[in-house]
Amino acid sequence: MVLSLCAAIGLHWAALQSIAWVGMLCSYARAGSITSAVEKTFDGRHPCPLCNAIAKGQEGGKKPELQLGSKIDMDHARQAELLIPPVFDFSWPVLKANGTAFAPEPSVPPPRAA
């Protein structure tokens, strides 16, 4: 359930982006100083292939949002009919039973053991 929630809010993209940033920091730090590596990583002008793939994936996953000018057609009268449950006249059946049907007495006494 937690994984489903994380995927729904897009946490997987943040995790992938963090991995890309760590890889970029390591590769840029080998070629220069730490400060230049941090600057190149987060300036946005030097994206790695993983950053490009993440950006493309995030663009493809967005759903078109509802425009403010679009008309929403609702039939209020029909919805009101669906919300009111039907009323039925229901009466419980009457059960008639006497007490002897549940505990009958034996017709003859049981035989005696000799």
C-alpha atoms as a PDB file:
ATOM      1  CA  MET A   1       0.000   0.000   0.000  1.00  0.00           C
ATOM      2  CA  VAL A   2       2.886   2.329   0.796  1.00  0.00           C
ATOM      3  CA  LEU A   3       4.521   1.573  -2.547  1.00  0.00           C
ATOM      4  CA  SER A   4       1.274   2.329  -4.369  1.00  0.00           C
ATOM      5  CA  LEU A   5       0.979   5.657  -2.596  1.00  0.00           C
ATOM      6  CA  CYS A   6       4.604   6.528  -3.387  1.00  0.00           C
ATOM      7  CA  ALA A   7       4.064   5.731  -7.067  1.00  0.00           C
ATOM      8  CA  ALA A   8       0.846   7.760  -7.130  1.00  0.00           C
ATOM      9  CA  ILE A   9       2.509  10.918  -5.825  1.00  0.00           C
ATOM     10  CA  GLY A  10       5.544  10.504  -8.098  1.00  0.00           C
ATOM     11  CA  LEU A  11       8.108   9.614  -5.468  1.00  0.00           C
ATOM     12  CA  HIS A  12       9.827   7.227  -7.886  1.00  0.00           C
ATOM     13  CA  TRP A  13      10.834  10.209 -10.074  1.00  0.00           C
ATOM     14  CA  ALA A  14      12.379  11.955  -7.066  1.00  0.00           C
ATOM     15  CA  ALA A  15      14.335   8.805  -6.185  1.00  0.00           C
ATOM     16  CA  LEU A  16      15.618   8.433  -9.747  1.00  0.00           C
ATOM     17  CA  GLN A  17      16.560  12.121  -9.886  1.00  0.00           C
ATOM     18  CA  SER A  18      18.475  11.780  -6.613  1.00  0.00           C
ATOM     19  CA  ILE A  19      20.398   8.830  -8.039  1.00  0.00           C
ATOM     20  CA  ALA A  20      21.194  10.857 -11.168  1.00  0.00           C
ATOM     21  CA  TRP A  21      22.425  13.809  -9.100  1.00  0.00           C
ATOM     22  CA  VAL A  22      24.707  11.592  -7.010  1.00  0.00           C
ATOM     23  CA  GLY A  23      26.169  10.073 -10.182  1.00  0.00           C
ATOM     24  CA  MET A  24      26.686  13.520 -11.709  1.00  0.00           C
ATOM     25  CA  LEU A  25      28.368  14.814  -8.547  1.00  0.00           C
ATOM     26  CA  CYS A  26      30.771  11.862  -8.531  1.00  0.00           C
ATOM     27  CA  SER A  27      31.658  12.167 -12.216  1.00  0.00           C
ATOM     28  CA  TYR A  28      32.076  15.974 -12.142  1.00  0.00           C
ATOM     29  CA  ALA A  29      34.117  15.811  -8.908  1.00  0.00           C
ATOM     30  CA  ARG A  30      36.658  13.495 -10.590  1.00  0.00           C
ATOM     31  CA  ALA A  31      37.257  16.079 -13.298  1.00  0.00           C
ATOM     32  CA  GLY A  32      37.402  19.158 -11.048  1.00  0.00           C
ATOM     33  CA  SER A  33      36.688  20.560  -7.609  1.00  0.00           C
ATOM     34  CA  ILE A  34      33.677  19.794  -5.430  1.00  0.00           C
ATOM     35  CA  THR A  35      32.270  23.325  -5.814  1.00  0.00           C
ATOM     36  CA  SER A  36      32.397  23.160  -9.615  1.00  0.00           C
ATOM     37  CA  ALA A  37      30.834  19.675  -9.483  1.00  0.00           C
ATOM     38  CA  VAL A  38      27.928  20.942  -7.362  1.00  0.00           C
ATOM     39  CA  GLU A  39      27.495  23.937  -9.675  1.00  0.00           C
ATOM     40  CA  LYS A  40      27.475  21.796 -12.852  1.00  0.00           C
ATOM     41  CA  THR A  41      25.103  19.258 -11.282  1.00  0.00           C
ATOM     42  CA  PHE A  42      22.407  21.716 -10.241  1.00  0.00           C
ATOM     43  CA  ASP A  43      22.654  24.488 -12.862  1.00  0.00           C
ATOM     44  CA  GLY A  44      20.441  22.664 -15.385  1.00  0.00           C
ATOM     45  CA  ARG A  45      22.781  23.244 -18.335  1.00  0.00           C
ATOM     46  CA  HIS A  46      24.683  19.966 -17.986  1.00  0.00           C
ATOM     47  CA  PRO A  47      22.053  17.187 -17.745  1.00  0.00           C
ATOM     48  CA  CYS A  48      23.147  13.581 -17.854  1.00  0.00           C
ATOM     49  CA  PRO A  49      21.356  10.945 -19.987  1.00  0.00           C
ATOM     50  CA  LEU A  50      19.445   9.740 -16.902  1.00  0.00           C
ATOM     51  CA  CYS A  51      18.224  13.304 -16.215  1.00  0.00           C
ATOM     52  CA  ASN A  52      17.007  13.572 -19.817  1.00  0.00           C
ATOM     53  CA  ALA A  53      15.191  10.230 -19.529  1.00  0.00           C
ATOM     54  CA  ILE A  54      13.563  11.310 -16.240  1.00  0.00           C
ATOM     55  CA  ALA A  55      12.392  14.603 -17.766  1.00  0.00           C
ATOM     56  CA  LYS A  56      10.940  12.762 -20.771  1.00  0.00           C
ATOM     57  CA  GLY A  57       9.194  10.252 -18.496  1.00  0.00           C
ATOM     58  CA  GLN A  58       7.691  12.974 -16.327  1.00  0.00           C
ATOM     59  CA  GLU A  59       6.340  14.802 -19.390  1.00  0.00           C
ATOM     60  CA  GLY A  60       4.737  11.623 -20.739  1.00  0.00           C
ATOM     61  CA  GLY A  61       3.095  10.748 -17.433  1.00  0.00           C
ATOM     62  CA  LYS A  62       1.205  14.003 -16.943  1.00  0.00           C
ATOM     63  CA  LYS A  63      -2.553  13.862 -17.413  1.00  0.00           C
ATOM     64  CA  PRO A  64      -4.371  16.714 -19.113  1.00  0.00           C
ATOM     65  CA  GLU A  65      -5.948  18.904 -16.473  1.00  0.00           C
ATOM     66  CA  LEU A  66      -9.509  20.162 -16.620  1.00  0.00           C
ATOM     67  CA  GLN A  67      -9.634  23.578 -18.212  1.00  0.00           C
ATOM     68  CA  LEU A  68     -11.465  26.293 -16.324  1.00  0.00           C
ATOM     69  CA  GLY A  69     -13.506  27.343 -19.352  1.00  0.00           C
ATOM     70  CA  SER A  70     -14.876  23.888 -20.135  1.00  0.00           C
ATOM     71  CA  LYS A  71     -18.521  23.166 -19.448  1.00  0.00           C
ATOM     72  CA  ILE A  72     -19.521  20.369 -17.108  1.00  0.00           C
ATOM     73  CA  ASP A  73     -22.954  19.017 -17.957  1.00  0.00           C
ATOM     74  CA  MET A  74     -24.867  17.617 -15.003  1.00  0.00           C
ATOM     75  CA  ASP A  75     -28.425  16.423 -14.926  1.00  0.00           C
ATOM     76  CA  HIS A  76     -29.471  17.327 -11.373  1.00  0.00           C
ATOM     77  CA  ALA A  77     -33.016  15.989 -11.676  1.00  0.00           C
ATOM     78  CA  ARG A  78     -31.849  12.553 -12.718  1.00  0.00           C
ATOM     79  CA  GLN A  79     -29.246  12.384  -9.959  1.00  0.00           C
ATOM     80  CA  ALA A  80     -31.887  13.192  -7.353  1.00  0.00           C
ATOM     81  CA  GLU A  81     -33.969  10.236  -8.540  1.00  0.00           C
ATOM     82  CA  LEU A  82     -31.037   7.879  -8.218  1.00  0.00           C
ATOM     83  CA  LEU A  83     -30.230   8.952  -4.667  1.00  0.00           C
ATOM     84  CA  ILE A  84     -33.702   8.257  -3.232  1.00  0.00           C
ATOM     85  CA  PRO A  85     -34.109   4.557  -2.415  1.00  0.00           C
ATOM     86  CA  PRO A  86     -37.400   2.898  -3.384  1.00  0.00           C
ATOM     87  CA  VAL A  87     -39.893   2.195  -0.604  1.00  0.00           C
ATOM     88  CA  PHE A  88     -41.397  -1.289  -0.378  1.00  0.00           C
ATOM     89  CA  ASP A  89     -44.239  -2.483   1.825  1.00  0.00           C
ATOM     90  CA  PHE A  90     -42.749  -5.466   3.587  1.00  0.00           C
ATOM     91  CA  SER A  91     -44.381  -7.569   6.270  1.00  0.00           C
ATOM     92  CA  TRP A  92     -42.679 -10.436   8.052  1.00  0.00           C
ATOM     93  CA  PRO A  93     -44.282 -13.878   7.659  1.00  0.00           C
ATOM     94  CA  VAL A  94     -46.019 -15.267  10.727  1.00  0.00           C
ATOM     95  CA  LEU A  95     -44.757 -18.644  11.922  1.00  0.00           C
ATOM     96  CA  LYS A  96     -47.177 -20.878  13.771  1.00  0.00           C
ATOM     97  CA  ALA A  97     -45.744 -23.758  15.753  1.00  0.00           C
ATOM     98  CA  ASN A  98     -46.734 -25.576  18.895  1.00  0.00           C
ATOM     99  CA  GLY A  99     -44.292 -26.712  21.576  1.00  0.00           C
ATOM    100  CA  THR A 100     -44.849 -30.443  21.042  1.00  0.00           C
ATOM    101  CA  ALA A 101     -43.370 -30.372  17.551  1.00  0.00           C
ATOM    102  CA  PHE A 102     -39.934 -29.606  18.956  1.00  0.00           C
ATOM    103  CA  ALA A 103     -39.811 -32.071  21.884  1.00  0.00           C
ATOM    104  CA  PRO A 104     -42.077 -35.094  21.260  1.00  0.00           C
ATOM    105  CA  GLU A 105     -42.683 -37.539  24.097  1.00  0.00           C
ATOM    106  CA  PRO A 106     -41.852 -41.196  23.515  1.00  0.00           C
ATOM    107  CA  SER A 107     -44.899 -43.292  22.653  1.00  0.00           C
ATOM    108  CA  VAL A 108     -43.941 -46.308  24.817  1.00  0.00           C
ATOM    109  CA  PRO A 109     -41.506 -46.602  27.676  1.00  0.00           C
ATOM    110  CA  PRO A 110     -38.065 -47.992  26.785  1.00  0.00           C
ATOM    111  CA  PRO A 111     -37.366 -51.700  27.431  1.00  0.00           C
ATOM    112  CA  ARG A 112     -35.656 -52.717  30.678  1.00  0.00           C
ATOM    113  CA  ALA A 113     -32.278 -54.343  30.701  1.00  0.00           C
ATOM    114  CA  ALA A 114     -32.211 -57.734  32.413  1.00  0.00           C
END
